[in-house]
N, C-alpha and C. Protein backbone atom coordinates (compact mmCIF):
# COMPACT_ATOMS: atom_id res chain seq x y z
N UNK A 1 68.37 49.37 0.11
CA UNK A 1 67.84 49.78 -1.22
C UNK A 1 68.34 48.32 -1.67
N UNK A 2 68.95 48.24 -1.91
CA UNK A 2 69.61 47.35 -3.15
C UNK A 2 68.43 46.18 -3.31
N UNK A 3 68.09 46.13 -1.80
CA UNK A 3 67.37 44.49 -1.70
C UNK A 3 65.37 44.67 -1.50
N UNK A 4 65.72 45.79 -1.03
CA UNK A 4 63.74 46.66 -1.48
C UNK A 4 63.36 46.26 -0.14
N UNK A 5 64.34 46.08 0.80
CA UNK A 5 63.24 46.19 1.90
C UNK A 5 62.88 47.62 2.96
N UNK A 6 61.70 47.09 3.34
CA UNK A 6 61.25 48.72 4.00
C UNK A 6 60.64 48.76 5.80
N UNK A 7 61.94 47.09 5.61
CA UNK A 7 62.39 47.32 7.32
C UNK A 7 63.53 46.72 7.97
N UNK A 8 64.12 47.27 8.40
CA UNK A 8 65.17 47.46 9.08
C UNK A 8 65.43 46.71 10.61
N UNK A 9 66.65 44.87 10.48
CA UNK A 9 65.83 44.12 11.56
C UNK A 9 67.41 44.12 12.48
N UNK A 10 67.37 43.76 13.68
CA UNK A 10 69.18 44.40 14.48
C UNK A 10 69.66 43.42 13.36
N UNK A 11 69.50 41.68 13.06
CA UNK A 11 70.18 41.36 12.50
C UNK A 11 70.99 42.37 10.66
N UNK A 12 70.17 42.92 9.88
CA UNK A 12 71.38 43.75 9.29
C UNK A 12 72.10 44.82 9.42
N UNK A 13 71.24 45.40 10.66
CA UNK A 13 71.92 46.21 11.61
C UNK A 13 73.73 45.08 12.08
N UNK A 14 73.46 43.96 12.66
CA UNK A 14 74.83 42.92 12.94
C UNK A 14 75.34 43.34 11.29
N UNK A 15 74.51 42.59 10.44
CA UNK A 15 75.32 42.18 9.48
C UNK A 15 76.30 43.59 8.78
N UNK A 16 75.69 44.21 8.10
CA UNK A 16 76.90 45.93 8.36
C UNK A 16 78.01 45.99 9.39
N UNK A 17 78.07 45.99 10.46
CA UNK A 17 78.95 45.99 11.35
C UNK A 17 79.87 45.14 11.29
N UNK A 18 79.24 43.35 10.87
CA UNK A 18 79.98 42.24 10.38
C UNK A 18 81.10 43.33 9.38
N UNK A 19 80.41 43.43 8.64
CA UNK A 19 80.73 43.53 6.90
C UNK A 19 82.20 45.20 6.80
N UNK A 20 81.81 46.37 8.39
CA UNK A 20 82.43 46.42 8.31
C UNK A 20 84.06 46.36 8.72
N UNK A 21 83.53 45.79 10.26
CA UNK A 21 84.86 44.78 10.95
C UNK A 21 86.35 43.14 9.52
N UNK A 22 85.06 42.92 9.02
CA UNK A 22 86.24 42.54 7.89
C UNK A 22 86.54 43.03 7.09
N UNK A 23 86.13 44.57 6.72
CA UNK A 23 87.45 44.95 6.03
C UNK A 23 88.78 45.96 6.28
N UNK A 24 88.68 45.83 8.02
CA UNK A 24 89.69 46.16 8.64
C UNK A 24 90.65 45.00 8.80
N UNK A 25 91.96 45.57 8.29
CA UNK A 25 93.24 43.91 7.40
C UNK A 25 93.60 44.39 9.49
N UNK A 26 94.86 43.39 9.49
CA UNK A 26 95.58 43.19 10.71
C UNK A 26 96.49 44.24 10.48
N UNK A 27 97.11 44.97 9.20
CA UNK A 27 97.70 46.18 9.55
C UNK A 27 97.40 47.04 9.97
N UNK A 28 96.09 47.05 9.99
CA UNK A 28 95.27 48.45 10.26
C UNK A 28 95.50 48.51 11.44
N UNK A 29 94.82 47.22 12.29
CA UNK A 29 94.82 46.98 13.62
C UNK A 29 96.66 47.16 14.22
N UNK A 30 97.46 46.79 13.50
CA UNK A 30 99.26 46.79 14.03
C UNK A 30 98.89 48.80 14.12
N UNK A 31 98.37 49.26 13.45
CA UNK A 31 98.53 50.58 13.32
C UNK A 31 97.98 51.51 14.19
N UNK A 32 96.79 50.57 15.16
CA UNK A 32 96.22 51.70 15.80
C UNK A 32 94.73 51.32 15.54
N UNK A 33 94.30 51.52 14.15
CA UNK A 33 93.17 51.43 13.89
C UNK A 33 92.46 51.08 13.85
N UNK A 34 90.75 51.39 14.24
CA UNK A 34 90.06 50.41 14.40
C UNK A 34 88.77 50.30 13.31
N UNK A 35 89.22 51.29 12.13
CA UNK A 35 88.45 51.47 11.04
C UNK A 35 89.10 50.89 9.74
N UNK A 36 88.62 50.72 8.88
CA UNK A 36 89.66 50.87 7.73
C UNK A 36 89.54 52.94 7.14
N UNK A 37 90.82 52.09 6.24
CA UNK A 37 90.75 53.84 6.32
C UNK A 37 90.19 53.74 5.30
N UNK A 38 89.67 55.52 4.39
CA UNK A 38 88.78 55.88 4.30
C UNK A 38 88.89 55.86 2.38
N UNK A 39 89.75 56.06 2.18
CA UNK A 39 90.33 55.88 0.89
C UNK A 39 89.95 54.39 0.14
N UNK A 40 88.92 53.72 0.94
CA UNK A 40 88.37 52.61 0.47
C UNK A 40 86.33 52.60 0.63
N UNK A 41 86.19 53.70 0.95
CA UNK A 41 84.90 54.33 0.50
C UNK A 41 83.68 53.25 0.22
N UNK A 42 84.09 53.51 -0.60
CA UNK A 42 83.51 53.39 -2.00
C UNK A 42 83.39 51.51 -1.57
N UNK A 43 84.52 50.66 -1.81
CA UNK A 43 84.66 48.94 -1.80
C UNK A 43 83.43 48.92 -0.48
N UNK A 44 84.25 49.40 0.54
CA UNK A 44 83.41 49.33 1.87
C UNK A 44 82.27 49.44 1.91
N UNK A 45 81.60 50.78 1.06
CA UNK A 45 80.28 50.17 1.59
C UNK A 45 79.96 49.65 0.33
N UNK A 46 80.80 49.10 -0.96
CA UNK A 46 79.83 48.23 -1.44
C UNK A 46 79.25 47.38 -0.51
N UNK A 47 80.31 46.39 -0.02
CA UNK A 47 80.47 45.00 1.08
C UNK A 47 80.08 45.48 2.36
N UNK A 48 78.99 46.34 2.55
CA UNK A 48 78.45 46.42 3.19
C UNK A 48 77.19 46.56 2.95
N UNK A 49 77.16 47.22 2.04
CA UNK A 49 75.82 47.57 1.40
C UNK A 49 75.22 45.51 0.82
N UNK A 50 76.03 44.98 0.06
CA UNK A 50 75.93 43.83 -0.19
C UNK A 50 75.38 42.69 1.02
N UNK A 51 76.18 43.03 2.16
CA UNK A 51 76.14 42.23 3.24
C UNK A 51 74.01 42.09 3.54
N UNK A 52 74.11 43.84 3.73
CA UNK A 52 72.83 44.08 4.76
C UNK A 52 71.80 43.36 3.35
N UNK A 53 72.02 43.83 2.35
CA UNK A 53 70.78 43.11 1.06
C UNK A 53 71.05 41.63 1.58
N UNK A 54 72.21 41.00 1.90
CA UNK A 54 72.03 39.24 1.70
C UNK A 54 70.90 39.07 2.75
N UNK A 55 71.28 39.74 3.86
CA UNK A 55 70.59 39.52 5.22
C UNK A 55 69.13 39.38 4.83
N UNK A 56 68.96 40.82 3.78
CA UNK A 56 67.18 41.09 3.67
C UNK A 56 66.55 40.03 3.50
N UNK A 57 67.43 39.18 1.93
CA UNK A 57 66.72 38.22 1.42
C UNK A 57 66.58 36.84 2.59
N UNK A 58 67.98 36.92 3.27
CA UNK A 58 67.79 35.89 4.01
C UNK A 58 66.60 35.98 5.20
N UNK A 59 66.29 36.62 5.38
CA UNK A 59 65.18 37.50 5.82
C UNK A 59 63.65 37.33 5.67
N UNK A 60 64.18 37.27 4.55
CA UNK A 60 62.11 36.99 3.33
C UNK A 60 61.83 38.65 3.50
N UNK A 61 62.65 39.63 4.06
CA UNK A 61 62.15 41.07 3.36
C UNK A 61 62.80 41.90 2.22
N UNK A 62 63.55 41.28 1.53
CA UNK A 62 63.82 42.07 0.47
C UNK A 62 61.76 41.39 -1.01
N UNK A 63 61.72 42.25 -1.58
CA UNK A 63 61.23 43.34 -2.64
C UNK A 63 61.84 42.94 -4.12
N UNK A 64 62.81 43.50 -3.91
CA UNK A 64 63.39 43.34 -5.54
C UNK A 64 63.83 41.60 -5.87
N UNK A 65 62.82 41.25 -6.00
CA UNK A 65 63.18 39.78 -7.10
C UNK A 65 63.35 39.45 -8.55
N UNK A 66 63.87 39.05 -8.84
CA UNK A 66 64.89 38.28 -7.95
C UNK A 66 65.96 38.81 -7.32
N UNK A 67 66.83 37.50 -6.87
CA UNK A 67 68.01 38.01 -6.38
C UNK A 67 69.34 38.35 -6.97
N UNK A 68 70.02 39.78 -7.09
CA UNK A 68 71.25 39.54 -8.09
C UNK A 68 71.97 38.10 -7.72
N UNK A 69 72.68 37.72 -8.59
CA UNK A 69 73.94 36.91 -8.22
C UNK A 69 75.44 37.06 -7.42
N UNK A 70 75.90 38.88 -8.05
CA UNK A 70 76.77 38.88 -7.64
C UNK A 70 76.10 40.37 -6.43
N UNK A 71 76.29 40.09 -5.56
CA UNK A 71 75.73 41.32 -4.46
C UNK A 71 76.58 42.97 -4.38
N UNK A 72 77.33 42.31 -4.46
CA UNK A 72 78.78 43.56 -4.59
C UNK A 72 78.93 44.22 -5.55
N UNK A 73 78.47 43.19 -6.99
CA UNK A 73 78.58 44.36 -7.90
C UNK A 73 77.24 44.98 -8.53
N UNK A 74 76.30 44.78 -7.82
CA UNK A 74 74.60 45.00 -7.67
C UNK A 74 74.91 46.28 -6.89
N UNK A 75 75.65 46.35 -5.62
CA UNK A 75 75.61 47.90 -4.82
C UNK A 75 76.47 48.64 -5.20
N UNK A 76 77.93 48.75 -6.11
CA UNK A 76 78.58 49.45 -7.17
C UNK A 76 77.92 49.49 -8.12
N UNK A 77 77.01 48.53 -9.18
CA UNK A 77 76.61 49.48 -10.00
C UNK A 77 75.81 50.88 -9.48
N UNK A 78 74.62 50.11 -8.80
CA UNK A 78 73.33 52.00 -7.92
C UNK A 78 74.37 52.73 -7.59
N UNK A 79 76.28 52.80 -6.93
CA UNK A 79 76.28 53.77 -6.49
C UNK A 79 77.02 55.12 -8.07
N UNK A 80 75.98 55.85 -6.67
CA UNK A 80 75.85 57.91 -7.18
C UNK A 80 77.94 57.77 -7.92
N UNK A 81 77.35 58.56 -8.87
CA UNK A 81 79.90 58.41 -9.55
C UNK A 81 78.83 60.69 -9.97
N UNK A 82 79.63 60.92 -8.70
CA UNK A 82 79.66 62.04 -9.71
C UNK A 82 80.74 62.28 -10.13
N UNK A 83 80.59 63.82 -10.90
CA UNK A 83 81.05 63.68 -12.18
C UNK A 83 81.13 65.08 -12.58
N UNK A 84 81.95 65.81 -11.83
CA UNK A 84 82.39 67.55 -12.24
C UNK A 84 83.13 68.07 -13.75
N UNK A 85 82.47 68.56 -14.13
CA UNK A 85 83.22 69.05 -15.33
C UNK A 85 83.96 70.48 -14.82
N UNK A 86 84.77 70.83 -15.04
CA UNK A 86 86.10 71.42 -15.09
C UNK A 86 86.22 72.56 -15.87
N UNK A 87 85.79 73.88 -15.44
CA UNK A 87 85.39 74.80 -15.59
C UNK A 87 86.54 76.46 -15.96
N UNK A 88 88.13 75.57 -15.56
CA UNK A 88 89.15 76.54 -15.78
C UNK A 88 89.28 75.93 -16.91
């Protein structure tokens, strides 16, 4: 979405899986975890989105031009941030 690509190629799915795998630390592996902790989901999601967008730009599939200089920061700026009022 952040790149404006309207097609998803296998290379983009591979970029997403590589980004997810890169977020798993040795400490996580030592604990027997194959995924990073859910407590870091927003940061992990931004890195995944940035990797997929970078691949879309590389493949010439992106329509949001020019390419942002920092795709991770751009992905973070596009994220929805829920804000709930306290009614009590």
